Amino acid sequence: MERIPVLNVENLSVSFSQYAGVLRKKQIEAIKDLNVTLYPGEIVAVAGASGSGKSLLAHAILGILPYNASMGGRISYCGNSLTSAQAQELRGKEIVLVPQSVSYLDPLMKVGPQIRKNAKDKPSREKTLEIFNRYGLAAETENLYPFELSGGMARRVLISTAVLEKPKLVIADEPTPGLDAAAAKRVMEHFREIADEGAAVLLITHDLELAIETADRIAIFYAGTTLEEVQASDFAEGLKLHHPYTRALWQAMPRNGMQVPKGI
């Protein structure tokens, strides 16, 4: 039986219109040709330098591109084209974002009510505490404000907001910056658990080492283009990596002596 991908992005392009002077408008192409596919139960990590289009991809999927953006290509969700209206309907339910910053949380609202969207019924409270327990957060966490959370706690709270609705697609946008190695690894293990329960996880990251340890496949982005998509295991020796940029990333990893190839 043919598997239907949860997410299929084909030839995605995103450009922005800007005024150059008073009357002349120009188009700035930020994404040229991005492609990525995710199936249920797997993690696909999107890796690449800043400005390669990683976060823009997330915004395009979620339907939250700014007003001056134009999008081309095709985004499919569970076999059907994903329109902006459908993305808005599914956002926060079947398609959820785990943002990179705790600033996404309301600083004036306690964590518990934020996670359950102000629901006060007993089942909602019990589900919140169950998720807290799953991610090693004390029950008292629900009465804390965001500024009272440590970096690791904040990441786990953001993950909690995502899994409350049993999503089909989780988009994690740089979930580990600022964490020590042990905390970052534990956060990545949480995403592995989410995938193992059947969700598809799109992991946007600069940390190639962690991505290789956790993800099933790695998509390498550069200058708004997908250079190649490989199995995470292909990074073990680097022999199956085809594009020069991907091989350069592999050579620059600490385990490989942090070599910097000529011309990179």
C-alpha atoms as a PDB file:
ATOM      1  CA  MET A   1       0.000   0.000   0.000  1.00  0.00           C
ATOM      2  CA  GLU A   2       1.326   3.423  -0.964  1.00  0.00           C
ATOM      3  CA  ARG A   3       1.989   5.678   2.002  1.00  0.00           C
ATOM      4  CA  ILE A   4       0.489   9.155   1.889  1.00  0.00           C
ATOM      5  CA  PRO A   5       2.836  11.840   3.227  1.00  0.00           C
ATOM      6  CA  VAL A   6       1.613  14.122   5.968  1.00  0.00           C
ATOM      7  CA  LEU A   7       3.470  16.979   4.286  1.00  0.00           C
ATOM      8  CA  ASN A   8       4.766  17.324   0.740  1.00  0.00           C
ATOM      9  CA  VAL A   9       6.417  20.571  -0.349  1.00  0.00           C
ATOM     10  CA  GLU A  10       7.159  20.771  -4.061  1.00  0.00           C
ATOM     11  CA  ASN A  11       9.148  23.512  -5.814  1.00  0.00           C
ATOM     12  CA  LEU A  12       8.285  26.077  -3.150  1.00  0.00           C
ATOM     13  CA  SER A  13       9.252  29.662  -3.921  1.00  0.00           C
ATOM     14  CA  VAL A  14       8.697  32.757  -1.794  1.00  0.00           C
ATOM     15  CA  SER A  15       9.413  36.335  -2.829  1.00  0.00           C
ATOM     16  CA  PHE A  16       8.763  39.706  -1.249  1.00  0.00           C
ATOM     17  CA  SER A  17       7.733  42.937  -2.921  1.00  0.00           C
ATOM     18  CA  GLN A  18       9.549  46.063  -1.780  1.00  0.00           C
ATOM     19  CA  TYR A  19       9.574  49.638  -2.966  1.00  0.00           C
ATOM     20  CA  ALA A  20      12.852  50.908  -4.374  1.00  0.00           C
ATOM     21  CA  GLY A  21      12.277  54.631  -4.160  1.00  0.00           C
ATOM     22  CA  VAL A  22       8.796  56.133  -4.311  1.00  0.00           C
ATOM     23  CA  LEU A  23       7.206  54.512  -7.361  1.00  0.00           C
ATOM     24  CA  ARG A  24       9.354  51.551  -8.353  1.00  0.00           C
ATOM     25  CA  LYS A  25       8.557  48.171  -6.820  1.00  0.00           C
ATOM     26  CA  LYS A  26      10.932  45.210  -6.930  1.00  0.00           C
ATOM     27  CA  GLN A  27      10.665  41.514  -6.047  1.00  0.00           C
ATOM     28  CA  ILE A  28      13.204  39.924  -3.726  1.00  0.00           C
ATOM     29  CA  GLU A  29      13.378  36.157  -4.093  1.00  0.00           C
ATOM     30  CA  ALA A  30      14.008  34.537  -0.707  1.00  0.00           C
ATOM     31  CA  ILE A  31      13.171  30.923  -1.602  1.00  0.00           C
ATOM     32  CA  LYS A  32      13.723  29.559  -5.098  1.00  0.00           C
ATOM     33  CA  ASP A  33      13.061  25.832  -5.091  1.00  0.00           C
ATOM     34  CA  LEU A  34      12.495  24.051  -1.776  1.00  0.00           C
ATOM     35  CA  ASN A  35      11.331  20.450  -1.637  1.00  0.00           C
ATOM     36  CA  VAL A  36      10.711  18.260   1.402  1.00  0.00           C
ATOM     37  CA  THR A  37       8.417  15.319   2.239  1.00  0.00           C
ATOM     38  CA  LEU A  38       7.390  13.966   5.641  1.00  0.00           C
ATOM     39  CA  TYR A  39       5.593  10.732   6.467  1.00  0.00           C
ATOM     40  CA  PRO A  40       3.834   9.759   9.713  1.00  0.00           C
ATOM     41  CA  GLY A  41       6.194   8.683  12.460  1.00  0.00           C
ATOM     42  CA  GLU A  42       9.365  10.266  11.111  1.00  0.00           C
ATOM     43  CA  ILE A  43      11.538  13.276  11.786  1.00  0.00           C
ATOM     44  CA  VAL A  44      12.968  15.202   8.863  1.00  0.00           C
ATOM     45  CA  ALA A  45      15.571  17.765   9.852  1.00  0.00           C
ATOM     46  CA  VAL A  46      16.081  20.830   7.695  1.00  0.00           C
ATOM     47  CA  ALA A  47      19.645  22.073   8.044  1.00  0.00           C
ATOM     48  CA  GLY A  48      21.469  24.963   6.455  1.00  0.00           C
ATOM     49  CA  ALA A  49      22.989  28.367   7.071  1.00  0.00           C
ATOM     50  CA  SER A  50      21.017  31.401   8.232  1.00  0.00           C
ATOM     51  CA  GLY A  51      19.057  32.851   5.341  1.00  0.00           C
ATOM     52  CA  SER A  52      18.712  29.530   3.524  1.00  0.00           C
ATOM     53  CA  GLY A  53      14.917  29.573   3.859  1.00  0.00           C
ATOM     54  CA  LYS A  54      14.364  27.254   6.817  1.00  0.00           C
ATOM     55  CA  SER A  55      12.075  29.437   8.924  1.00  0.00           C
ATOM     56  CA  LEU A  56      10.329  30.835   5.831  1.00  0.00           C
ATOM     57  CA  LEU A  57       9.398  27.260   4.952  1.00  0.00           C
ATOM     58  CA  ALA A  58       7.707  26.916   8.355  1.00  0.00           C
ATOM     59  CA  HIS A  59       5.827  30.188   7.894  1.00  0.00           C
ATOM     60  CA  ALA A  60       4.660  29.132   4.429  1.00  0.00           C
ATOM     61  CA  ILE A  61       3.304  25.833   5.762  1.00  0.00           C
ATOM     62  CA  LEU A  62       1.547  27.584   8.634  1.00  0.00           C
ATOM     63  CA  GLY A  63       0.059  30.241   6.341  1.00  0.00           C
ATOM     64  CA  ILE A  64       1.644  33.114   8.249  1.00  0.00           C
ATOM     65  CA  LEU A  65       3.784  34.762   5.568  1.00  0.00           C
ATOM     66  CA  PRO A  66       3.670  38.579   5.666  1.00  0.00           C
ATOM     67  CA  TYR A  67       1.286  40.555   3.441  1.00  0.00           C
ATOM     68  CA  ASN A  68       3.966  41.461   0.889  1.00  0.00           C
ATOM     69  CA  ALA A  69       4.964  37.841   0.248  1.00  0.00           C
ATOM     70  CA  SER A  70       4.147  35.855  -2.894  1.00  0.00           C
ATOM     71  CA  MET A  71       4.341  32.079  -2.873  1.00  0.00           C
ATOM     72  CA  GLY A  72       4.703  29.587  -5.712  1.00  0.00           C
ATOM     73  CA  GLY A  73       4.925  25.812  -5.890  1.00  0.00           C
ATOM     74  CA  ARG A  74       2.689  23.418  -4.000  1.00  0.00           C
ATOM     75  CA  ILE A  75       2.226  22.414  -0.352  1.00  0.00           C
ATOM     76  CA  SER A  76       0.150  19.277   0.285  1.00  0.00           C
ATOM     77  CA  TYR A  77      -1.137  18.071   3.638  1.00  0.00           C
ATOM     78  CA  CYS A  78      -2.308  14.444   3.961  1.00  0.00           C
ATOM     79  CA  GLY A  79      -2.676  14.207   0.190  1.00  0.00           C
ATOM     80  CA  ASN A  80      -4.575  17.462  -0.412  1.00  0.00           C
ATOM     81  CA  SER A  81      -3.389  20.939  -1.356  1.00  0.00           C
ATOM     82  CA  LEU A  82      -2.968  23.100   1.729  1.00  0.00           C
ATOM     83  CA  THR A  83      -4.556  26.511   1.240  1.00  0.00           C
ATOM     84  CA  SER A  84      -4.048  29.495   3.543  1.00  0.00           C
ATOM     85  CA  ALA A  85      -7.613  29.097   4.839  1.00  0.00           C
ATOM     86  CA  GLN A  86      -7.050  25.409   5.614  1.00  0.00           C
ATOM     87  CA  ALA A  87      -3.719  26.171   7.274  1.00  0.00           C
ATOM     88  CA  GLN A  88      -5.438  28.703   9.497  1.00  0.00           C
ATOM     89  CA  GLU A  89      -8.117  26.157  10.427  1.00  0.00           C
ATOM     90  CA  LEU A  90      -5.579  23.426  11.221  1.00  0.00           C
ATOM     91  CA  ARG A  91      -2.990  25.655  12.897  1.00  0.00           C
ATOM     92  CA  GLY A  92      -2.686  24.917  16.598  1.00  0.00           C
ATOM     93  CA  LYS A  93      -4.690  21.697  16.211  1.00  0.00           C
ATOM     94  CA  GLU A  94      -3.385  19.230  13.635  1.00  0.00           C
ATOM     95  CA  ILE A  95      -0.450  21.412  12.574  1.00  0.00           C
ATOM     96  CA  VAL A  96       1.478  22.949  15.446  1.00  0.00           C
ATOM     97  CA  LEU A  97       4.569  25.080  15.825  1.00  0.00           C
ATOM     98  CA  VAL A  98       7.150  24.739  18.560  1.00  0.00           C
ATOM     99  CA  PRO A  99       8.813  28.170  18.285  1.00  0.00           C
ATOM    100  CA  GLN A 100      12.419  28.914  19.083  1.00  0.00           C
ATOM    101  CA  SER A 101      11.734  31.635  21.649  1.00  0.00           C
ATOM    102  CA  VAL A 102       9.843  31.789  24.921  1.00  0.00           C
ATOM    103  CA  SER A 103       8.713  35.235  23.731  1.00  0.00           C
ATOM    104  CA  TYR A 104       5.870  33.389  21.972  1.00  0.00           C
ATOM    105  CA  LEU A 105       4.339  32.881  25.420  1.00  0.00           C
ATOM    106  CA  ASP A 106       2.229  35.653  26.931  1.00  0.00           C
ATOM    107  CA  PRO A 107       4.448  37.185  29.664  1.00  0.00           C
ATOM    108  CA  LEU A 108       1.386  38.314  31.656  1.00  0.00           C
ATOM    109  CA  MET A 109      -0.306  34.911  31.772  1.00  0.00           C
ATOM    110  CA  LYS A 110       0.570  31.865  33.847  1.00  0.00           C
ATOM    111  CA  VAL A 111       1.865  28.841  31.966  1.00  0.00           C
ATOM    112  CA  GLY A 112      -0.958  26.390  32.786  1.00  0.00           C
ATOM    113  CA  PRO A 113      -3.852  28.493  31.455  1.00  0.00           C
ATOM    114  CA  GLN A 114      -1.810  29.329  28.342  1.00  0.00           C
ATOM    115  CA  ILE A 115      -1.205  25.695  27.507  1.00  0.00           C
ATOM    116  CA  ARG A 116      -4.871  24.705  27.852  1.00  0.00           C
ATOM    117  CA  LYS A 117      -6.087  27.944  26.243  1.00  0.00           C
ATOM    118  CA  ASN A 118      -7.838  29.096  29.414  1.00  0.00           C
ATOM    119  CA  ALA A 119      -9.913  25.912  29.723  1.00  0.00           C
ATOM    120  CA  LYS A 120     -10.776  25.372  33.392  1.00  0.00           C
ATOM    121  CA  ASP A 121     -12.539  22.018  33.302  1.00  0.00           C
ATOM    122  CA  LYS A 122     -11.076  19.094  35.222  1.00  0.00           C
ATOM    123  CA  PRO A 123     -10.122  16.930  32.166  1.00  0.00           C
ATOM    124  CA  SER A 124      -8.134  19.818  30.658  1.00  0.00           C
ATOM    125  CA  ARG A 125      -6.275  20.417  33.915  1.00  0.00           C
ATOM    126  CA  GLU A 126      -5.550  16.706  34.309  1.00  0.00           C
ATOM    127  CA  LYS A 127      -4.251  16.487  30.738  1.00  0.00           C
ATOM    128  CA  THR A 128      -1.967  19.474  31.352  1.00  0.00           C
ATOM    129  CA  LEU A 129      -0.500  17.840  34.474  1.00  0.00           C
ATOM    130  CA  GLU A 130      -0.099  14.556  32.615  1.00  0.00           C
ATOM    131  CA  ILE A 131       1.917  16.287  29.894  1.00  0.00           C
ATOM    132  CA  PHE A 132       3.968  18.169  32.480  1.00  0.00           C
ATOM    133  CA  ASN A 133       4.807  14.885  34.164  1.00  0.00           C
ATOM    134  CA  ARG A 134       5.787  13.398  30.802  1.00  0.00           C
ATOM    135  CA  TYR A 135       8.287  16.190  30.208  1.00  0.00           C
ATOM    136  CA  GLY A 136       9.667  16.312  33.728  1.00  0.00           C
ATOM    137  CA  LEU A 137       7.881  19.497  34.772  1.00  0.00           C
ATOM    138  CA  ALA A 138       6.537  19.777  38.314  1.00  0.00           C
ATOM    139  CA  ALA A 139       2.800  20.351  38.762  1.00  0.00           C
ATOM    140  CA  GLU A 140       3.622  23.776  40.234  1.00  0.00           C
ATOM    141  CA  THR A 141       4.939  24.863  36.812  1.00  0.00           C
ATOM    142  CA  GLU A 142       1.408  25.707  35.690  1.00  0.00           C
ATOM    143  CA  ASN A 143       1.330  28.564  38.207  1.00  0.00           C
ATOM    144  CA  LEU A 144       4.576  30.117  36.967  1.00  0.00           C
ATOM    145  CA  TYR A 145       4.910  33.029  34.571  1.00  0.00           C
ATOM    146  CA  PRO A 146       7.184  32.615  31.519  1.00  0.00           C
ATOM    147  CA  PHE A 147       9.942  34.802  33.022  1.00  0.00           C
ATOM    148  CA  GLU A 148      10.184  32.354  35.936  1.00  0.00           C
ATOM    149  CA  LEU A 149      11.122  29.434  33.678  1.00  0.00           C
ATOM    150  CA  SER A 150      14.675  28.267  33.057  1.00  0.00           C
ATOM    151  CA  GLY A 151      15.788  27.758  29.464  1.00  0.00           C
ATOM    152  CA  GLY A 152      15.188  24.017  29.580  1.00  0.00           C
ATOM    153  CA  MET A 153      11.816  24.428  31.290  1.00  0.00           C
ATOM    154  CA  ALA A 154      10.731  26.974  28.684  1.00  0.00           C
ATOM    155  CA  ARG A 155      11.541  24.563  25.840  1.00  0.00           C
ATOM    156  CA  ARG A 156       9.556  21.792  27.514  1.00  0.00           C
ATOM    157  CA  VAL A 157       6.618  24.129  28.107  1.00  0.00           C
ATOM    158  CA  LEU A 158       6.641  25.082  24.410  1.00  0.00           C
ATOM    159  CA  ILE A 159       6.618  21.396  23.477  1.00  0.00           C
ATOM    160  CA  SER A 160       3.724  20.859  25.910  1.00  0.00           C
ATOM    161  CA  THR A 161       1.651  23.495  24.130  1.00  0.00           C
ATOM    162  CA  ALA A 162       2.215  21.604  20.877  1.00  0.00           C
ATOM    163  CA  VAL A 163       1.281  18.077  21.963  1.00  0.00           C
ATOM    164  CA  LEU A 164      -1.871  18.946  23.909  1.00  0.00           C
ATOM    165  CA  GLU A 165      -3.942  18.578  20.717  1.00  0.00           C
ATOM    166  CA  LYS A 166      -2.381  15.301  19.426  1.00  0.00           C
ATOM    167  CA  PRO A 167      -1.060  16.913  16.203  1.00  0.00           C
ATOM    168  CA  LYS A 168      -0.315  15.159  12.922  1.00  0.00           C
ATOM    169  CA  LEU A 169       2.445  17.611  11.979  1.00  0.00           C
ATOM    170  CA  VAL A 170       4.829  19.296  14.410  1.00  0.00           C
ATOM    171  CA  ILE A 171       7.135  22.049  13.162  1.00  0.00           C
ATOM    172  CA  ALA A 172      10.013  22.678  15.566  1.00  0.00           C
ATOM    173  CA  ASP A 173      11.832  25.902  14.699  1.00  0.00           C
ATOM    174  CA  GLU A 174      15.333  25.901  16.245  1.00  0.00           C
ATOM    175  CA  PRO A 175      14.266  24.241  19.527  1.00  0.00           C
ATOM    176  CA  THR A 176      17.695  23.902  21.177  1.00  0.00           C
ATOM    177  CA  PRO A 177      19.739  27.173  21.011  1.00  0.00           C
ATOM    178  CA  GLY A 178      21.007  28.316  24.395  1.00  0.00           C
ATOM    179  CA  LEU A 179      20.667  24.894  26.010  1.00  0.00           C
ATOM    180  CA  ASP A 180      23.573  22.867  27.346  1.00  0.00           C
ATOM    181  CA  ALA A 181      24.337  19.597  25.575  1.00  0.00           C
ATOM    182  CA  ALA A 182      22.379  17.389  28.005  1.00  0.00           C
ATOM    183  CA  ALA A 183      19.263  19.596  27.935  1.00  0.00           C
ATOM    184  CA  ALA A 184      19.391  19.914  24.150  1.00  0.00           C
ATOM    185  CA  LYS A 185      19.648  16.149  23.763  1.00  0.00           C
ATOM    186  CA  ARG A 186      16.675  15.607  26.065  1.00  0.00           C
ATOM    187  CA  VAL A 187      14.575  18.110  24.078  1.00  0.00           C
ATOM    188  CA  MET A 188      15.427  16.230  20.894  1.00  0.00           C
ATOM    189  CA  GLU A 189      14.435  12.965  22.562  1.00  0.00           C
ATOM    190  CA  HIS A 190      11.012  14.489  23.227  1.00  0.00           C
ATOM    191  CA  PHE A 191      10.573  15.094  19.503  1.00  0.00           C
ATOM    192  CA  ARG A 192      11.639  11.510  18.825  1.00  0.00           C
ATOM    193  CA  GLU A 193       8.906  10.359  21.223  1.00  0.00           C
ATOM    194  CA  ILE A 194       6.325  12.529  19.435  1.00  0.00           C
ATOM    195  CA  ALA A 195       7.304  11.006  16.088  1.00  0.00           C
ATOM    196  CA  ASP A 196       7.283   7.479  17.482  1.00  0.00           C
ATOM    197  CA  GLU A 197       3.670   8.082  18.525  1.00  0.00           C
ATOM    198  CA  GLY A 198       2.747   8.728  14.888  1.00  0.00           C
ATOM    199  CA  ALA A 199       3.220  12.434  14.206  1.00  0.00           C
ATOM    200  CA  ALA A 200       5.464  13.807  11.473  1.00  0.00           C
ATOM    201  CA  VAL A 201       8.087  16.213  12.824  1.00  0.00           C
ATOM    202  CA  LEU A 202       9.779  18.886  10.717  1.00  0.00           C
ATOM    203  CA  LEU A 203      12.877  19.931  12.637  1.00  0.00           C
ATOM    204  CA  ILE A 204      14.473  23.226  11.617  1.00  0.00           C
ATOM    205  CA  THR A 205      17.951  23.409  13.079  1.00  0.00           C
ATOM    206  CA  HIS A 206      21.522  24.660  12.851  1.00  0.00           C
ATOM    207  CA  ASP A 207      22.734  21.767  15.024  1.00  0.00           C
ATOM    208  CA  LEU A 208      23.619  19.097  12.503  1.00  0.00           C
ATOM    209  CA  GLU A 209      25.144  16.820  15.154  1.00  0.00           C
ATOM    210  CA  LEU A 210      21.882  16.633  17.135  1.00  0.00           C
ATOM    211  CA  ALA A 211      19.814  16.317  13.973  1.00  0.00           C
ATOM    212  CA  ILE A 212      21.850  13.306  12.832  1.00  0.00           C
ATOM    213  CA  GLU A 213      21.356  11.616  16.210  1.00  0.00           C
ATOM    214  CA  THR A 214      17.584  12.151  16.230  1.00  0.00           C
ATOM    215  CA  ALA A 215      16.178  12.520  12.712  1.00  0.00           C
ATOM    216  CA  ASP A 216      15.387   9.901  10.086  1.00  0.00           C
ATOM    217  CA  ARG A 217      16.310  12.081   7.125  1.00  0.00           C
ATOM    218  CA  ILE A 218      18.200  15.346   6.627  1.00  0.00           C
ATOM    219  CA  ALA A 219      17.296  17.949   3.995  1.00  0.00           C
ATOM    220  CA  ILE A 220      20.125  20.366   3.238  1.00  0.00           C
ATOM    221  CA  PHE A 221      19.052  23.901   2.295  1.00  0.00           C
ATOM    222  CA  TYR A 222      21.256  26.550   0.747  1.00  0.00           C
ATOM    223  CA  ALA A 223      20.273  29.973  -0.646  1.00  0.00           C
ATOM    224  CA  GLY A 224      16.586  29.092  -0.807  1.00  0.00           C
ATOM    225  CA  THR A 225      17.111  25.757  -2.541  1.00  0.00           C
ATOM    226  CA  THR A 226      17.064  22.117  -1.454  1.00  0.00           C
ATOM    227  CA  LEU A 227      20.490  20.770  -2.380  1.00  0.00           C
ATOM    228  CA  GLU A 228      19.831  17.190  -1.384  1.00  0.00           C
ATOM    229  CA  GLU A 229      17.909  14.991   1.044  1.00  0.00           C
ATOM    230  CA  VAL A 230      19.709  12.039   2.633  1.00  0.00           C
ATOM    231  CA  GLN A 231      19.234   9.462   5.348  1.00  0.00           C
ATOM    232  CA  ALA A 232      20.649  10.614   8.678  1.00  0.00           C
ATOM    233  CA  SER A 233      22.759   7.449   8.692  1.00  0.00           C
ATOM    234  CA  ASP A 234      24.484   8.661   5.504  1.00  0.00           C
ATOM    235  CA  PHE A 235      26.429  11.120   7.661  1.00  0.00           C
ATOM    236  CA  ALA A 236      28.169   8.259   9.492  1.00  0.00           C
ATOM    237  CA  GLU A 237      31.042   8.153   6.995  1.00  0.00           C
ATOM    238  CA  GLY A 238      30.006  10.767   4.449  1.00  0.00           C
ATOM    239  CA  LEU A 239      30.472   8.438   1.476  1.00  0.00           C
ATOM    240  CA  LYS A 240      26.818   8.716   0.367  1.00  0.00           C
ATOM    241  CA  LEU A 241      26.717  12.507   0.491  1.00  0.00           C
ATOM    242  CA  HIS A 242      26.664  13.840  -3.064  1.00  0.00           C
ATOM    243  CA  HIS A 243      26.575  17.634  -3.041  1.00  0.00           C
ATOM    244  CA  PRO A 244      29.833  19.484  -2.275  1.00  0.00           C
ATOM    245  CA  TYR A 245      28.091  21.731   0.269  1.00  0.00           C
ATOM    246  CA  THR A 246      26.701  18.719   2.166  1.00  0.00           C
ATOM    247  CA  ARG A 247      30.122  17.101   2.163  1.00  0.00           C
ATOM    248  CA  ALA A 248      31.591  20.381   3.429  1.00  0.00           C
ATOM    249  CA  LEU A 249      29.128  20.388   6.328  1.00  0.00           C
ATOM    250  CA  TRP A 250      30.124  16.811   7.117  1.00  0.00           C
ATOM    251  CA  GLN A 251      33.849  17.680   7.053  1.00  0.00           C
ATOM    252  CA  ALA A 252      33.251  20.693   9.326  1.00  0.00           C
ATOM    253  CA  MET A 253      31.659  18.574  12.069  1.00  0.00           C
ATOM    254  CA  PRO A 254      33.759  18.209  15.274  1.00  0.00           C
ATOM    255  CA  ARG A 255      33.900  14.413  14.858  1.00  0.00           C
ATOM    256  CA  ASN A 256      35.622  14.947  11.506  1.00  0.00           C
ATOM    257  CA  GLY A 257      38.197  17.440  12.703  1.00  0.00           C
ATOM    258  CA  MET A 258      36.253  20.596  11.804  1.00  0.00           C
ATOM    259  CA  GLN A 259      37.899  20.784   8.400  1.00  0.00           C
ATOM    260  CA  VAL A 260      37.115  23.786   6.205  1.00  0.00           C
ATOM    261  CA  PRO A 261      37.292  22.774   2.535  1.00  0.00           C
ATOM    262  CA  LYS A 262      38.749  25.166  -0.014  1.00  0.00           C
ATOM    263  CA  GLY A 263      36.249  27.544  -1.557  1.00  0.00           C
ATOM    264  CA  ILE A 264      33.659  27.206   1.249  1.00  0.00           C
END
